PDB file of all heavy atoms in Angstrom:
ATOM      1  N   GLU A   1     118.617  24.109  38.147  1.00  0.00           N
ATOM      2  CA  GLU A   1     117.420  24.360  37.360  1.00  0.00           C
ATOM      3  C   GLU A   1     117.045  25.827  37.364  1.00  0.00           C
ATOM      4  O   GLU A   1     115.987  26.228  37.777  1.00  0.00           O
ATOM      5  CB  GLU A   1     116.250  23.552  37.938  1.00  0.00           C
ATOM      6  CG  GLU A   1     116.441  22.023  37.847  1.00  0.00           C
ATOM      7  CD  GLU A   1     116.442  21.513  36.430  1.00  0.00           C
ATOM      8  OE1 GLU A   1     115.698  22.040  35.604  1.00  0.00           O
ATOM      9  OE2 GLU A   1     117.232  20.584  36.153  1.00  0.00           O
ATOM     10  N   LEU A   2     117.971  26.652  36.892  1.00  0.00           N
ATOM     11  CA  LEU A   2     117.738  28.110  36.819  1.00  0.00           C
ATOM     12  C   LEU A   2     117.699  28.506  35.346  1.00  0.00           C
ATOM     13  O   LEU A   2     118.328  27.843  34.509  1.00  0.00           O
ATOM     14  CB  LEU A   2     118.828  28.874  37.552  1.00  0.00           C
ATOM     15  CG  LEU A   2     118.917  28.625  39.019  1.00  0.00           C
ATOM     16  CD1 LEU A   2     120.212  29.234  39.590  1.00  0.00           C
ATOM     17  CD2 LEU A   2     117.737  29.214  39.772  1.00  0.00           C
ATOM     18  N   ASP A   3     117.014  29.608  35.070  1.00  0.00           N
ATOM     19  CA  ASP A   3     117.007  30.123  33.701  1.00  0.00           C
ATOM     20  C   ASP A   3     118.393  30.553  33.297  1.00  0.00           C
ATOM     21  O   ASP A   3     119.094  31.290  34.008  1.00  0.00           O
ATOM     22  CB  ASP A   3     116.049  31.341  33.595  1.00  0.00           C
ATOM     23  CG  ASP A   3     114.566  30.909  33.684  1.00  0.00           C
ATOM     24  OD1 ASP A   3     114.282  29.743  33.379  1.00  0.00           O
ATOM     25  OD2 ASP A   3     113.765  31.778  34.047  1.00  0.00           O
ATOM     26  N   LYS A   4     118.832  30.110  32.123  1.00  0.00           N
ATOM     27  CA  LYS A   4     120.190  30.404  31.669  1.00  0.00           C
ATOM     28  C   LYS A   4     120.474  31.893  31.546  1.00  0.00           C
ATOM     29  O   LYS A   4     121.524  32.355  31.946  1.00  0.00           O
ATOM     30  CB  LYS A   4     120.499  29.688  30.339  1.00  0.00           C
ATOM     31  CG  LYS A   4     120.254  28.161  30.346  1.00  0.00           C
ATOM     32  CD  LYS A   4     120.895  27.429  31.513  1.00  0.00           C
ATOM     33  CE  LYS A   4     120.641  25.959  31.408  1.00  0.00           C
ATOM     34  NZ  LYS A   4     120.090  25.352  32.584  1.00  0.00           N
ATOM     35  N   PRO A   5     119.501  32.690  31.029  1.00  0.00           N
ATOM     36  CA  PRO A   5     119.779  34.155  30.942  1.00  0.00           C
ATOM     37  C   PRO A   5     119.990  34.790  32.313  1.00  0.00           C
ATOM     38  O   PRO A   5     120.802  35.705  32.446  1.00  0.00           O
ATOM     39  CB  PRO A   5     118.521  34.711  30.276  1.00  0.00           C
ATOM     40  CG  PRO A   5     117.997  33.574  29.463  1.00  0.00           C
ATOM     41  CD  PRO A   5     118.272  32.361  30.320  1.00  0.00           C
ATOM     42  N   ILE A   6     119.354  34.301  33.336  1.00  0.00           N
ATOM     43  CA  ILE A   6     119.545  34.841  34.690  1.00  0.00           C
ATOM     44  C   ILE A   6     120.933  34.514  35.157  1.00  0.00           C
ATOM     45  O   ILE A   6     121.623  35.370  35.723  1.00  0.00           O
ATOM     46  CB  ILE A   6     118.481  34.293  35.669  1.00  0.00           C
ATOM     47  CG1 ILE A   6     117.133  34.845  35.304  1.00  0.00           C
ATOM     48  CG2 ILE A   6     118.832  34.613  37.109  1.00  0.00           C
ATOM     49  CD1 ILE A   6     115.951  34.238  36.049  1.00  0.00           C
ATOM     50  N   ILE A   7     121.380  33.279  34.942  1.00  0.00           N
ATOM     51  CA  ILE A   7     122.748  32.858  35.339  1.00  0.00           C
ATOM     52  C   ILE A   7     123.776  33.726  34.658  1.00  0.00           C
ATOM     53  O   ILE A   7     124.706  34.251  35.295  1.00  0.00           O
ATOM     54  CB  ILE A   7     122.966  31.378  35.011  1.00  0.00           C
ATOM     55  CG1 ILE A   7     122.042  30.486  35.832  1.00  0.00           C
ATOM     56  CG2 ILE A   7     124.416  30.996  35.249  1.00  0.00           C
ATOM     57  CD1 ILE A   7     121.957  29.057  35.364  1.00  0.00           C
ATOM     58  N   ILE A   8     123.626  33.910  33.342  1.00  0.00           N
ATOM     59  CA  ILE A   8     124.590  34.710  32.598  1.00  0.00           C
ATOM     60  C   ILE A   8     124.587  36.168  33.048  1.00  0.00           C
ATOM     61  O   ILE A   8     125.637  36.771  33.265  1.00  0.00           O
ATOM     62  CB  ILE A   8     124.325  34.585  31.064  1.00  0.00           C
ATOM     63  CG1 ILE A   8     124.577  33.137  30.619  1.00  0.00           C
ATOM     64  CG2 ILE A   8     125.146  35.588  30.278  1.00  0.00           C
ATOM     65  CD1 ILE A   8     124.157  32.836  29.214  1.00  0.00           C
ATOM     66  N   ASN A   9     123.414  36.736  33.230  1.00  0.00           N
ATOM     67  CA  ASN A   9     123.320  38.105  33.703  1.00  0.00           C
ATOM     68  C   ASN A   9     123.974  38.315  35.060  1.00  0.00           C
ATOM     69  O   ASN A   9     124.710  39.271  35.296  1.00  0.00           O
ATOM     70  CB  ASN A   9     121.853  38.571  33.736  1.00  0.00           C
ATOM     71  CG  ASN A   9     121.753  40.051  34.050  1.00  0.00           C
ATOM     72  OD1 ASN A   9     122.293  40.871  33.358  1.00  0.00           O
ATOM     73  ND2 ASN A   9     121.060  40.354  35.161  1.00  0.00           N
ATOM     74  N   GLU A  10     123.726  37.384  35.985  1.00  0.00           N
ATOM     75  CA  GLU A  10     124.359  37.456  37.315  1.00  0.00           C
ATOM     76  C   GLU A  10     125.867  37.424  37.174  1.00  0.00           C
ATOM     77  O   GLU A  10     126.576  38.198  37.834  1.00  0.00           O
ATOM     78  CB  GLU A  10     123.896  36.296  38.204  1.00  0.00           C
ATOM     79  CG  GLU A  10     122.582  36.520  38.888  1.00  0.00           C
ATOM     80  CD  GLU A  10     122.707  37.427  40.101  1.00  0.00           C
ATOM     81  OE1 GLU A  10     123.327  37.060  41.099  1.00  0.00           O
ATOM     82  OE2 GLU A  10     122.155  38.541  40.009  1.00  0.00           O
ATOM     83  N   ALA A  11     126.375  36.519  36.339  1.00  0.00           N
ATOM     84  CA  ALA A  11     127.812  36.393  36.173  1.00  0.00           C
ATOM     85  C   ALA A  11     128.399  37.674  35.575  1.00  0.00           C
ATOM     86  O   ALA A  11     129.486  38.119  36.022  1.00  0.00           O
ATOM     87  CB  ALA A  11     128.154  35.189  35.279  1.00  0.00           C
ATOM     88  N   ILE A  12     127.732  38.261  34.611  1.00  0.00           N
ATOM     89  CA  ILE A  12     128.230  39.479  33.986  1.00  0.00           C
ATOM     90  C   ILE A  12     128.251  40.615  35.023  1.00  0.00           C
ATOM     91  O   ILE A  12     129.224  41.366  35.146  1.00  0.00           O
ATOM     92  CB  ILE A  12     127.379  39.862  32.768  1.00  0.00           C
ATOM     93  CG1 ILE A  12     127.601  38.847  31.658  1.00  0.00           C
ATOM     94  CG2 ILE A  12     127.682  41.276  32.292  1.00  0.00           C
ATOM     95  CD1 ILE A  12     126.611  38.925  30.515  1.00  0.00           C
ATOM     96  N   GLU A  13     127.152  40.757  35.798  1.00  0.00           N
ATOM     97  CA  GLU A  13     127.082  41.823  36.786  1.00  0.00           C
ATOM     98  C   GLU A  13     128.123  41.650  37.856  1.00  0.00           C
ATOM     99  O   GLU A  13     128.759  42.594  38.306  1.00  0.00           O
ATOM    100  CB  GLU A  13     125.666  41.892  37.413  1.00  0.00           C
ATOM    101  CG  GLU A  13     124.596  42.360  36.450  1.00  0.00           C
ATOM    102  CD  GLU A  13     124.908  43.741  35.831  1.00  0.00           C
ATOM    103  OE1 GLU A  13     125.296  44.669  36.568  1.00  0.00           O
ATOM    104  OE2 GLU A  13     124.762  43.866  34.604  1.00  0.00           O
ATOM    105  N   LEU A  14     128.348  40.425  38.311  1.00  0.00           N
ATOM    106  CA  LEU A  14     129.398  40.150  39.337  1.00  0.00           C
ATOM    107  C   LEU A  14     130.778  40.451  38.734  1.00  0.00           C
ATOM    108  O   LEU A  14     131.623  40.980  39.435  1.00  0.00           O
ATOM    109  CB  LEU A  14     129.291  38.716  39.818  1.00  0.00           C
ATOM    110  CG  LEU A  14     128.103  38.467  40.770  1.00  0.00           C
ATOM    111  CD1 LEU A  14     127.845  36.964  40.910  1.00  0.00           C
ATOM    112  CD2 LEU A  14     128.319  39.109  42.108  1.00  0.00           C
ATOM    113  N   SER A  15     130.989  40.119  37.479  1.00  0.00           N
ATOM    114  CA  SER A  15     132.283  40.402  36.864  1.00  0.00           C
ATOM    115  C   SER A  15     132.521  41.900  36.732  1.00  0.00           C
ATOM    116  O   SER A  15     133.688  42.336  36.799  1.00  0.00           O
ATOM    117  CB  SER A  15     132.435  39.680  35.537  1.00  0.00           C
ATOM    118  OG  SER A  15     131.596  40.258  34.554  1.00  0.00           O
ATOM    119  N   LYS A  16     131.477  42.670  36.513  1.00  0.00           N
ATOM    120  CA  LYS A  16     131.659  44.137  36.448  1.00  0.00           C
ATOM    121  C   LYS A  16     132.138  44.674  37.769  1.00  0.00           C
ATOM    122  O   LYS A  16     132.906  45.628  37.796  1.00  0.00           O
ATOM    123  CB  LYS A  16     130.313  44.789  36.053  1.00  0.00           C
ATOM    124  CG  LYS A  16     129.901  44.620  34.639  1.00  0.00           C
ATOM    125  CD  LYS A  16     128.558  45.240  34.369  1.00  0.00           C
ATOM    126  CE  LYS A  16     128.080  45.021  32.952  1.00  0.00           C
ATOM    127  NZ  LYS A  16     126.710  45.562  32.742  1.00  0.00           N
ATOM    128  N   ARG A  17     131.680  44.093  38.852  1.00  0.00           N
ATOM    129  CA  ARG A  17     132.097  44.581  40.172  1.00  0.00           C
ATOM    130  C   ARG A  17     133.391  43.993  40.685  1.00  0.00           C
ATOM    131  O   ARG A  17     134.108  44.631  41.424  1.00  0.00           O
ATOM    132  CB  ARG A  17     130.996  44.238  41.201  1.00  0.00           C
ATOM    133  CG  ARG A  17     129.737  45.076  41.043  1.00  0.00           C
ATOM    134  CD  ARG A  17     128.904  45.181  42.264  1.00  0.00           C
ATOM    135  NE  ARG A  17     128.843  44.041  43.154  1.00  0.00           N
ATOM    136  CZ  ARG A  17     127.889  43.121  43.170  1.00  0.00           C
ATOM    137  NH1 ARG A  17     126.894  43.208  42.338  1.00  0.00           N
ATOM    138  NH2 ARG A  17     127.942  42.141  44.028  1.00  0.00           N
ATOM    139  N   LEU A  18     133.672  42.759  40.300  1.00  0.00           N
ATOM    140  CA  LEU A  18     134.796  42.018  40.920  1.00  0.00           C
ATOM    141  C   LEU A  18     136.008  41.793  40.043  1.00  0.00           C
ATOM    142  O   LEU A  18     137.110  41.555  40.572  1.00  0.00           O
ATOM    143  CB  LEU A  18     134.288  40.654  41.429  1.00  0.00           C
ATOM    144  CG  LEU A  18     133.110  40.658  42.387  1.00  0.00           C
ATOM    145  CD1 LEU A  18     132.645  39.234  42.613  1.00  0.00           C
ATOM    146  CD2 LEU A  18     133.513  41.317  43.697  1.00  0.00           C
ATOM    147  N   ALA A  19     135.849  41.855  38.749  1.00  0.00           N
ATOM    148  CA  ALA A  19     136.916  41.405  37.856  1.00  0.00           C
ATOM    149  C   ALA A  19     137.459  42.583  37.010  1.00  0.00           C
ATOM    150  O   ALA A  19     137.102  43.723  37.184  1.00  0.00           O
ATOM    151  CB  ALA A  19     136.446  40.272  37.000  1.00  0.00           C
ATOM    152  N   SER A  20     138.314  42.223  36.065  1.00  0.00           N
ATOM    153  CA  SER A  20     138.936  43.208  35.175  1.00  0.00           C
ATOM    154  C   SER A  20     137.928  43.829  34.234  1.00  0.00           C
ATOM    155  O   SER A  20     136.811  43.338  34.066  1.00  0.00           O
ATOM    156  CB  SER A  20     140.072  42.565  34.408  1.00  0.00           C
ATOM    157  OG  SER A  20     139.521  41.623  33.503  1.00  0.00           O
ATOM    158  N   ASP A  21     138.302  44.916  33.579  1.00  0.00           N
ATOM    159  CA  ASP A  21     137.406  45.641  32.696  1.00  0.00           C
ATOM    160  C   ASP A  21     136.949  44.777  31.513  1.00  0.00           C
ATOM    161  O   ASP A  21     135.830  44.966  31.001  1.00  0.00           O
ATOM    162  CB  ASP A  21     138.096  46.903  32.158  1.00  0.00           C
ATOM    163  CG  ASP A  21     138.284  47.961  33.214  1.00  0.00           C
ATOM    164  OD1 ASP A  21     137.614  47.883  34.281  1.00  0.00           O
ATOM    165  OD2 ASP A  21     139.104  48.860  33.015  1.00  0.00           O
ATOM    166  N   ASN A  22     137.780  43.872  31.062  1.00  0.00           N
ATOM    167  CA  ASN A  22     137.445  43.042  29.889  1.00  0.00           C
ATOM    168  C   ASN A  22     136.648  41.802  30.278  1.00  0.00           C
ATOM    169  O   ASN A  22     136.126  41.103  29.416  1.00  0.00           O
ATOM    170  CB  ASN A  22     138.683  42.592  29.171  1.00  0.00           C
ATOM    171  CG  ASN A  22     139.435  43.764  28.577  1.00  0.00           C
ATOM    172  OD1 ASN A  22     138.830  44.780  28.194  1.00  0.00           O
ATOM    173  ND2 ASN A  22     140.753  43.666  28.480  1.00  0.00           N
ATOM    174  N   ALA A  23     136.524  41.510  31.572  1.00  0.00           N
ATOM    175  CA  ALA A  23     135.934  40.305  32.048  1.00  0.00           C
ATOM    176  C   ALA A  23     134.450  40.174  31.635  1.00  0.00           C
ATOM    177  O   ALA A  23     134.039  39.049  31.243  1.00  0.00           O
ATOM    178  CB  ALA A  23     136.087  40.161  33.561  1.00  0.00           C
ATOM    179  N   PRO A  24     133.601  41.165  31.777  1.00  0.00           N
ATOM    180  CA  PRO A  24     132.193  40.982  31.441  1.00  0.00           C
ATOM    181  C   PRO A  24     131.970  40.458  30.015  1.00  0.00           C
ATOM    182  O   PRO A  24     131.187  39.503  29.796  1.00  0.00           O
ATOM    183  CB  PRO A  24     131.561  42.324  31.627  1.00  0.00           C
ATOM    184  CG  PRO A  24     132.437  42.988  32.653  1.00  0.00           C
ATOM    185  CD  PRO A  24     133.845  42.521  32.329  1.00  0.00           C
ATOM    186  N   LYS A  25     132.656  41.052  29.045  1.00  0.00           N
ATOM    187  CA  LYS A  25     132.504  40.600  27.636  1.00  0.00           C
ATOM    188  C   LYS A  25     133.045  39.187  27.482  1.00  0.00           C
ATOM    189  O   LYS A  25     132.395  38.339  26.836  1.00  0.00           O
ATOM    190  CB  LYS A  25     133.263  41.552  26.748  1.00  0.00           C
ATOM    191  CG  LYS A  25     133.112  41.265  25.285  1.00  0.00           C
ATOM    192  CD  LYS A  25     133.838  42.286  24.450  1.00  0.00           C
ATOM    193  CE  LYS A  25     133.702  41.945  22.959  1.00  0.00           C
ATOM    194  NZ  LYS A  25     134.412  42.869  22.106  1.00  0.00           N
ATOM    195  N   PHE A  26     134.181  38.889  28.060  1.00  0.00           N
ATOM    196  CA  PHE A  26     134.788  37.568  27.977  1.00  0.00           C
ATOM    197  C   PHE A  26     133.862  36.493  28.603  1.00  0.00           C
ATOM    198  O   PHE A  26     133.558  35.467  28.023  1.00  0.00           O
ATOM    199  CB  PHE A  26     136.144  37.576  28.681  1.00  0.00           C
ATOM    200  CG  PHE A  26     136.719  36.183  28.868  1.00  0.00           C
ATOM    201  CD1 PHE A  26     137.226  35.475  27.817  1.00  0.00           C
ATOM    202  CD2 PHE A  26     136.743  35.608  30.126  1.00  0.00           C
ATOM    203  CE1 PHE A  26     137.749  34.205  27.959  1.00  0.00           C
ATOM    204  CE2 PHE A  26     137.273  34.349  30.288  1.00  0.00           C
ATOM    205  CZ  PHE A  26     137.765  33.629  29.216  1.00  0.00           C
ATOM    206  N   ILE A  27     133.386  36.783  29.800  1.00  0.00           N
ATOM    207  CA  ILE A  27     132.516  35.827  30.521  1.00  0.00           C
ATOM    208  C   ILE A  27     131.199  35.625  29.777  1.00  0.00           C
ATOM    209  O   ILE A  27     130.739  34.493  29.630  1.00  0.00           O
ATOM    210  CB  ILE A  27     132.293  36.310  31.950  1.00  0.00           C
ATOM    211  CG1 ILE A  27     133.603  36.069  32.755  1.00  0.00           C
ATOM    212  CG2 ILE A  27     131.091  35.624  32.636  1.00  0.00           C
ATOM    213  CD1 ILE A  27     133.640  36.629  34.147  1.00  0.00           C
TER     214      ILE A  27
END
């Protein structure tokens, strides 16, 4: 029961730190 924009933002920020350069846009 979390706000969807918060979930998406967290995933994008984590992908910027942990994943490939294209990952934030893809995720």
